[in-house]
Amino acid sequence: MDLERMLSETRVIPVVEIPRVEDALPLARALAEGGLACAEITFRTAAAGAAIAAITEALPGFTVGAGTVLSVRQAEEAVAAGASFLVSPGFDDAVVAFARESGVPVLPGVCTPSEIMHAVAQGLDLVKFFPAEAAGGLGYLKAVAAPFGAVRFVPTGGIGPAYVDVYLRHPQVLACGGSWMVKRQLITDGDFATIGRLTTEAVALAAAAVQ
């Protein structure tokens, strides 16, 4: 898949911590109805792999990636389940190598100039910036991104509806990852109507963020 194109068109990626496999399809449908036919299913729960498989099998038009990929073993599980892309909180050379060998786009996490330089040395010009808000927010991202004009970022971590559009207006920010529209409690409660509403609002915020 063309990850860069998907991110540039979507602008907001729901970052999902899904507790039960049976919630996968209602969640994906709520996101799609709200205007985001995509999600990053994180490997923070045992249900992640099965949830990815359920969505990819039932909803072929929905783009689902695997997040919080910490090892090659998890990357293998994600790809076997049908994940279209991989996301890591940090930069793991083995995971990046596996993704390249498998032909699956990968979005490794960076936070410092040294980590960005390492990504560039590996031939990558699209990376995750994590943890965005805890690291210093947009001000910090502007500072570390300035020397790397060809690199584009997907900030994730602590970003909410109050300032997602501010991030998206930065010319080196391609998209933002966020969990505010897919909070775990909403999924656990089966409140997919609220998820759909929050997703629609997120789409509107992204559309308003003209760079």
Protein backbone atom coordinates (compact mmCIF):
# COMPACT_ATOMS: atom_id res chain seq x y z
CA MET A 1 0.00 0.00 0.00
CA ASP A 2 0.98 3.64 -0.43
CA LEU A 3 1.24 4.67 3.23
CA GLU A 4 2.22 8.25 2.49
CA ARG A 5 -0.78 8.77 0.25
CA MET A 6 -3.16 7.23 2.77
CA LEU A 7 -1.85 9.42 5.57
CA SER A 8 -1.95 12.59 3.47
CA GLU A 9 -5.57 11.91 2.53
CA THR A 10 -6.74 10.80 5.97
CA ARG A 11 -4.73 13.24 8.14
CA VAL A 12 -5.96 11.58 11.37
CA ILE A 13 -5.27 7.96 12.32
CA PRO A 14 -7.36 6.43 15.14
CA VAL A 15 -5.01 4.63 17.54
CA VAL A 16 -7.00 1.76 19.02
CA GLU A 17 -6.49 -0.36 22.12
CA ILE A 18 -9.12 -3.02 21.61
CA PRO A 19 -9.97 -5.33 24.51
CA ARG A 20 -12.22 -7.86 22.73
CA VAL A 21 -12.19 -9.30 19.24
CA GLU A 22 -15.98 -9.04 18.97
CA ASP A 23 -15.68 -5.25 19.17
CA ALA A 24 -13.49 -5.04 16.08
CA LEU A 25 -16.15 -4.91 13.37
CA PRO A 26 -18.57 -2.54 15.15
CA LEU A 27 -15.64 -0.25 15.85
CA ALA A 28 -14.38 -0.29 12.26
CA ARG A 29 -17.88 0.37 10.93
CA ALA A 30 -18.34 3.30 13.33
CA LEU A 31 -15.03 4.79 12.19
CA ALA A 32 -15.89 4.33 8.52
CA GLU A 33 -19.33 5.88 8.98
CA GLY A 34 -17.67 8.81 10.73
CA GLY A 35 -15.37 9.33 7.74
CA LEU A 36 -12.19 7.46 8.70
CA ALA A 37 -11.91 4.08 6.99
CA CYS A 38 -8.65 3.33 8.74
CA ALA A 39 -7.23 2.45 12.15
CA GLU A 40 -4.02 1.52 13.93
CA ILE A 41 -4.77 -1.49 16.14
CA THR A 42 -2.13 -1.53 18.86
CA PHE A 43 -0.53 -4.67 20.22
CA ARG A 44 -1.30 -3.56 23.77
CA THR A 45 -3.93 -6.27 24.13
CA ALA A 46 -4.05 -9.97 23.34
CA ALA A 47 -6.94 -9.31 20.94
CA ALA A 48 -4.90 -7.20 18.51
CA GLY A 49 -3.93 -9.83 15.95
CA ALA A 50 -7.39 -11.39 15.78
CA ALA A 51 -9.01 -7.94 15.59
CA ILE A 52 -6.82 -7.00 12.62
CA ALA A 53 -7.73 -10.26 10.89
CA ALA A 54 -11.44 -9.78 11.54
CA ILE A 55 -11.46 -6.29 10.05
CA THR A 56 -9.34 -7.09 7.01
CA GLU A 57 -11.45 -10.15 6.18
CA ALA A 58 -14.85 -8.48 6.61
CA LEU A 59 -14.09 -4.96 5.39
CA PRO A 60 -11.65 -5.04 2.46
CA GLY A 61 -12.02 -1.29 1.90
CA PHE A 62 -10.88 -0.50 5.43
CA THR A 63 -7.15 0.13 5.96
CA VAL A 64 -5.89 -1.40 9.18
CA GLY A 65 -2.36 -1.22 10.51
CA ALA A 66 -0.65 -2.68 13.55
CA GLY A 67 0.67 -0.38 16.25
CA THR A 68 2.95 -0.77 19.27
CA VAL A 69 4.95 -3.35 17.31
CA LEU A 70 7.88 -4.07 19.62
CA SER A 71 9.43 -7.14 18.02
CA VAL A 72 9.78 -9.10 14.81
CA ARG A 73 7.48 -11.74 16.31
CA GLN A 74 4.70 -9.18 16.68
CA ALA A 75 5.43 -7.83 13.20
CA GLU A 76 5.09 -11.34 11.79
CA GLU A 77 1.78 -11.82 13.59
CA ALA A 78 0.51 -8.49 12.32
CA VAL A 79 1.43 -9.18 8.70
CA ALA A 80 -0.05 -12.68 8.89
CA ALA A 81 -3.29 -11.13 10.18
CA GLY A 82 -3.41 -8.78 7.20
CA ALA A 83 -2.03 -5.51 8.56
CA SER A 84 -1.36 -3.00 5.78
CA PHE A 85 1.35 -1.17 7.71
CA LEU A 86 3.37 -1.38 10.93
CA VAL A 87 3.93 1.28 13.59
CA SER A 88 6.46 1.19 16.43
CA PRO A 89 6.92 3.56 19.39
CA GLY A 90 10.68 3.56 18.80
CA PHE A 91 13.20 2.62 16.13
CA ASP A 92 13.99 -1.09 16.03
CA ASP A 93 16.36 -2.06 13.20
CA ALA A 94 15.11 -5.65 13.11
CA VAL A 95 11.46 -4.62 12.80
CA VAL A 96 12.29 -2.11 10.05
CA ALA A 97 14.33 -4.75 8.20
CA PHE A 98 11.51 -7.28 8.48
CA ALA A 99 8.99 -4.77 7.15
CA ARG A 100 11.17 -3.99 4.17
CA GLU A 101 11.75 -7.65 3.40
CA SER A 102 8.01 -8.26 3.66
CA GLY A 103 7.10 -5.28 1.49
CA VAL A 104 4.99 -3.76 4.27
CA PRO A 105 5.28 -0.01 5.01
CA VAL A 106 6.67 0.79 8.45
CA LEU A 107 6.41 3.89 10.59
CA PRO A 108 9.08 3.71 13.31
CA GLY A 109 9.00 6.10 16.23
CA VAL A 110 11.56 8.86 16.78
CA CYS A 111 11.90 11.61 19.36
CA THR A 112 15.44 13.01 19.14
CA PRO A 113 17.67 14.43 16.38
CA SER A 114 19.90 11.35 16.65
CA GLU A 115 16.94 9.04 16.09
CA ILE A 116 15.82 11.09 13.09
CA MET A 117 19.35 10.90 11.68
CA HIS A 118 19.29 7.14 12.15
CA ALA A 119 16.01 6.94 10.25
CA VAL A 120 17.42 9.05 7.42
CA ALA A 121 20.52 6.83 7.29
CA GLN A 122 18.17 3.86 6.87
CA GLY A 123 16.55 5.57 3.89
CA LEU A 124 13.35 6.61 5.65
CA ASP A 125 11.75 10.03 5.21
CA LEU A 126 8.46 9.34 7.02
CA VAL A 127 8.48 8.59 10.74
CA LYS A 128 6.28 8.65 13.82
CA PHE A 129 7.02 11.40 16.36
CA PHE A 130 6.35 9.97 19.81
CA PRO A 131 5.41 10.85 22.51
CA ALA A 132 4.41 14.15 20.96
CA GLU A 133 2.92 16.13 23.81
CA ALA A 134 5.06 14.66 26.59
CA ALA A 135 8.21 15.42 24.60
CA GLY A 136 7.36 19.10 24.30
CA GLY A 137 4.57 19.34 21.76
CA LEU A 138 4.66 21.21 18.50
CA GLY A 139 7.34 23.62 19.69
CA TYR A 140 9.76 20.78 20.29
CA LEU A 141 8.82 19.07 17.03
CA LYS A 142 9.50 22.28 15.10
CA ALA A 143 12.95 22.51 16.68
CA VAL A 144 14.04 18.93 15.98
CA ALA A 145 12.43 18.80 12.53
CA ALA A 146 14.03 22.01 11.26
CA PRO A 147 17.37 20.45 10.18
CA PHE A 148 15.56 17.64 8.36
CA GLY A 149 13.49 19.39 5.73
CA ALA A 150 12.86 16.24 3.68
CA VAL A 151 11.50 14.24 6.62
CA ARG A 152 7.80 14.19 7.42
CA PHE A 153 6.26 13.23 10.71
CA VAL A 154 3.17 11.61 12.18
CA PRO A 155 2.94 12.97 15.74
CA THR A 156 1.23 10.65 18.21
CA GLY A 157 0.86 10.67 21.96
CA GLY A 158 -1.35 12.98 23.99
CA ILE A 159 -2.79 14.77 20.96
CA GLY A 160 -6.44 15.72 21.29
CA PRO A 161 -9.13 17.66 19.44
CA ALA A 162 -8.09 20.97 21.01
CA TYR A 163 -4.87 21.19 19.03
CA VAL A 164 -4.71 18.44 16.40
CA ASP A 165 -5.34 21.07 13.72
CA VAL A 166 -2.34 23.08 14.97
CA TYR A 167 -0.07 20.09 14.41
CA LEU A 168 -1.60 19.43 10.99
CA ARG A 169 -0.81 22.95 9.84
CA HIS A 170 2.92 22.33 10.20
CA PRO A 171 4.33 21.64 6.71
CA GLN A 172 6.34 18.62 7.87
CA VAL A 173 3.38 16.94 9.58
CA LEU A 174 1.61 14.54 7.25
CA ALA A 175 -0.97 13.21 9.72
CA CYS A 176 -1.59 12.79 13.45
CA GLY A 177 -2.36 9.68 15.44
CA GLY A 178 -4.90 9.97 18.22
CA SER A 179 -7.07 7.91 20.52
CA TRP A 180 -9.56 10.50 21.76
CA MET A 181 -12.30 9.28 19.40
CA VAL A 182 -11.66 5.61 20.25
CA LYS A 183 -11.06 5.63 23.99
CA ARG A 184 -10.97 2.14 25.45
CA GLN A 185 -13.92 2.83 27.75
CA LEU A 186 -16.09 3.79 24.79
CA ILE A 187 -15.23 0.52 23.09
CA THR A 188 -15.79 -1.50 26.27
CA ASP A 189 -19.17 0.19 26.77
CA GLY A 190 -20.14 -0.50 23.16
CA ASP A 191 -20.74 3.20 22.64
CA PHE A 192 -20.06 3.14 18.93
CA ALA A 193 -22.46 6.01 18.29
CA THR A 194 -20.20 8.33 20.28
CA ILE A 195 -17.16 6.96 18.48
CA GLY A 196 -18.83 7.75 15.16
CA ARG A 197 -19.68 11.28 16.28
CA LEU A 198 -16.18 11.98 17.58
CA THR A 199 -14.72 10.60 14.36
CA THR A 200 -16.87 12.94 12.28
CA GLU A 201 -15.66 15.84 14.40
CA ALA A 202 -12.03 14.72 13.95
CA VAL A 203 -12.48 14.62 10.17
CA ALA A 204 -13.84 18.17 10.27
CA LEU A 205 -10.87 19.37 12.33
CA ALA A 206 -8.46 17.81 9.85
CA ALA A 207 -10.25 19.37 6.91
CA ALA A 208 -10.02 22.79 8.56
CA ALA A 209 -6.26 22.48 9.01
CA VAL A 210 -5.07 24.09 5.80
CA GLN A 211 -1.28 24.23 5.68
